[in-house]
Amino acid sequence: MEQSELQLLVEQISQDSFHKPFRHTARFNGRLRTTGGRYLLRSHDIEINPKQLSEFGIDALTGIIKHELCHYHLHIEGRGYKHRDPEFKQLLHKVGGLRYCETLPGTRNVQAYKYLYLCSDCHQQYRRKRKVNTAKYVCGKCRGKLILT
């Protein structure tokens, strides 16, 4: 799907589901990683993650577009456009948009702890992602010396 096709799809969904025109720009943004799309408050543009279309198809893309159009139309009207606002939740339910998008394969960053420290006195273990200065920091339980294992 090209940018122009996305623009036409967003305009069509806006007219069909919301009965209001979409007067700004819709575009793909391949740098989006953990989200299906986003509505930009300053420019009123909508950006869509192209990987959602390639992985989950047009139905998922339509749900994401409806979600972003809820933000768009409520913000333009000066009403509650944030996820926690009741107006947003009601409009999203009314038009059948997605509350959450599917998680893309390979995007879940489960980072293992690289460093394991052991207290020399009480043998308390500490798992850390970053290195700790063992000359400066001590065990929080007994104030013993930490040893990198």
Protein backbone atom coordinates (compact mmCIF):
# COMPACT_ATOMS: atom_id res chain seq x y z
CA MET A 1 0.00 0.00 0.00
CA GLU A 2 1.33 3.42 -0.98
CA GLN A 3 1.08 6.69 0.97
CA SER A 4 -1.63 7.97 -1.38
CA GLU A 5 -3.69 4.82 -0.88
CA LEU A 6 -3.34 5.19 2.89
CA GLN A 7 -4.48 8.81 2.66
CA LEU A 8 -7.58 7.79 0.67
CA LEU A 9 -8.33 4.94 3.10
CA VAL A 10 -8.13 7.25 6.13
CA GLU A 11 -10.36 9.84 4.43
CA GLN A 12 -12.88 7.14 3.52
CA ILE A 13 -12.95 5.63 7.03
CA SER A 14 -13.33 9.10 8.52
CA GLN A 15 -16.29 9.87 6.29
CA ASP A 16 -17.96 6.46 6.69
CA SER A 17 -17.48 5.91 10.43
CA PHE A 18 -17.36 9.46 11.82
CA HIS A 19 -19.34 11.36 9.12
CA LYS A 20 -16.65 14.03 9.24
CA PRO A 21 -13.83 14.82 6.81
CA PHE A 22 -10.17 14.14 7.51
CA ARG A 23 -8.37 17.28 6.30
CA HIS A 24 -4.77 16.50 7.22
CA THR A 25 -2.06 14.03 6.21
CA ALA A 26 -1.89 10.30 6.88
CA ARG A 27 1.43 8.58 6.29
CA PHE A 28 3.37 5.44 7.06
CA ASN A 29 6.22 5.71 9.56
CA GLY A 30 8.50 2.69 9.63
CA ARG A 31 10.31 3.93 12.73
CA LEU A 32 7.31 3.21 14.95
CA ARG A 33 8.17 0.10 16.92
CA THR A 34 5.83 -0.54 19.84
CA THR A 35 2.73 1.22 18.58
CA GLY A 36 0.35 0.72 15.68
CA GLY A 37 -0.02 4.40 14.96
CA ARG A 38 -0.01 7.85 16.46
CA TYR A 39 -1.89 11.12 16.19
CA LEU A 40 0.33 14.21 16.18
CA LEU A 41 -1.26 17.00 18.24
CA ARG A 42 0.56 19.93 16.65
CA SER A 43 0.17 19.08 12.98
CA HIS A 44 -3.01 16.95 13.31
CA ASP A 45 -1.37 14.31 11.10
CA ILE A 46 -1.67 10.57 11.61
CA GLU A 47 1.26 8.17 11.33
CA ILE A 48 0.73 4.44 10.87
CA ASN A 49 3.17 1.59 11.43
CA PRO A 50 3.47 -0.22 8.07
CA LYS A 51 4.50 -3.45 9.81
CA GLN A 52 1.00 -3.76 11.27
CA LEU A 53 -0.41 -3.99 7.75
CA SER A 54 2.16 -6.52 6.54
CA GLU A 55 1.87 -8.71 9.66
CA PHE A 56 -1.85 -8.56 10.54
CA GLY A 57 -3.65 -7.34 7.43
CA ILE A 58 -6.17 -4.69 6.46
CA ASP A 59 -8.60 -5.38 9.32
CA ALA A 60 -5.97 -4.55 11.95
CA LEU A 61 -4.97 -1.46 9.95
CA THR A 62 -8.60 -0.30 9.83
CA GLY A 63 -8.94 -0.70 13.60
CA ILE A 64 -5.76 1.31 14.17
CA ILE A 65 -6.92 4.05 11.81
CA LYS A 66 -10.26 4.29 13.64
CA HIS A 67 -8.40 4.57 16.94
CA GLU A 68 -6.24 7.42 15.65
CA LEU A 69 -9.24 9.13 14.05
CA CYS A 70 -10.95 9.11 17.46
CA HIS A 71 -7.99 11.09 18.82
CA TYR A 72 -8.12 13.35 15.76
CA HIS A 73 -11.81 14.26 15.76
CA LEU A 74 -12.09 14.67 19.54
CA HIS A 75 -8.99 16.89 19.66
CA ILE A 76 -10.22 19.06 16.78
CA GLU A 77 -13.57 19.49 18.59
CA GLY A 78 -11.88 20.35 21.89
CA ARG A 79 -13.27 17.31 23.70
CA GLY A 80 -11.49 14.60 25.72
CA TYR A 81 -9.13 12.90 23.26
CA LYS A 82 -6.87 11.02 25.69
CA HIS A 83 -7.10 7.27 26.32
CA ARG A 84 -8.43 7.77 29.84
CA ASP A 85 -11.25 10.15 28.82
CA PRO A 86 -14.78 8.69 28.79
CA GLU A 87 -15.60 10.50 25.53
CA PHE A 88 -12.69 8.76 23.82
CA LYS A 89 -13.70 5.34 25.13
CA GLN A 90 -17.32 5.83 24.07
CA LEU A 91 -16.44 7.00 20.56
CA LEU A 92 -13.90 4.20 20.10
CA HIS A 93 -16.53 1.63 21.11
CA LYS A 94 -19.13 3.25 18.86
CA VAL A 95 -16.98 3.14 15.70
CA GLY A 96 -15.40 -0.25 16.49
CA GLY A 97 -11.78 0.83 16.69
CA LEU A 98 -9.04 -1.15 18.38
CA ARG A 99 -8.14 -0.29 21.96
CA TYR A 100 -4.77 -2.05 21.62
CA CYS A 101 -2.94 -3.32 18.56
CA GLU A 102 -1.25 -6.69 18.20
CA THR A 103 2.35 -6.95 19.36
CA LEU A 104 4.73 -7.30 16.46
CA PRO A 105 6.95 -10.39 16.54
CA GLY A 106 10.46 -9.57 17.69
CA THR A 107 9.60 -6.22 19.30
CA ARG A 108 9.25 -7.42 22.84
CA ASN A 109 12.59 -6.53 24.40
CA VAL A 110 13.11 -8.97 27.21
CA GLN A 111 16.53 -7.86 28.25
CA ALA A 112 18.38 -10.30 30.44
CA TYR A 113 20.26 -9.01 33.41
CA LYS A 114 23.93 -8.83 32.46
CA TYR A 115 25.46 -8.56 35.90
CA LEU A 116 24.99 -10.63 39.03
CA TYR A 117 26.37 -9.32 42.31
CA LEU A 118 26.68 -11.39 45.46
CA CYS A 119 27.10 -10.08 48.99
CA SER A 120 30.20 -11.56 50.63
CA ASP A 121 28.53 -11.61 54.09
CA CYS A 122 24.84 -12.57 53.74
CA HIS A 123 25.00 -13.99 50.17
CA GLN A 124 22.16 -11.75 48.96
CA GLN A 125 21.97 -11.71 45.13
CA TYR A 126 21.48 -8.56 43.06
CA ARG A 127 20.75 -8.73 39.34
CA ARG A 128 21.55 -5.55 37.43
CA LYS A 129 21.37 -4.41 33.82
CA ARG A 130 24.24 -1.97 34.34
CA LYS A 131 27.53 -2.28 36.12
CA VAL A 132 27.70 -1.07 39.73
CA ASN A 133 30.73 0.57 41.34
CA THR A 134 31.49 -1.98 44.07
CA ALA A 135 33.86 0.43 45.81
CA LYS A 136 30.99 2.87 46.32
CA TYR A 137 27.93 0.62 46.80
CA VAL A 138 27.35 -2.07 49.42
CA CYS A 139 24.69 -4.66 50.21
CA GLY A 140 21.38 -3.08 51.12
CA LYS A 141 20.57 -5.81 53.58
CA CYS A 142 23.73 -6.10 55.72
CA ARG A 143 26.08 -3.45 54.29
CA GLY A 144 28.55 -6.14 53.23
CA LYS A 145 30.88 -5.97 50.25
CA LEU A 146 29.46 -6.76 46.79
CA ILE A 147 31.28 -9.17 44.49
CA LEU A 148 30.63 -9.37 40.74
CA THR A 149 30.07 -12.99 39.70
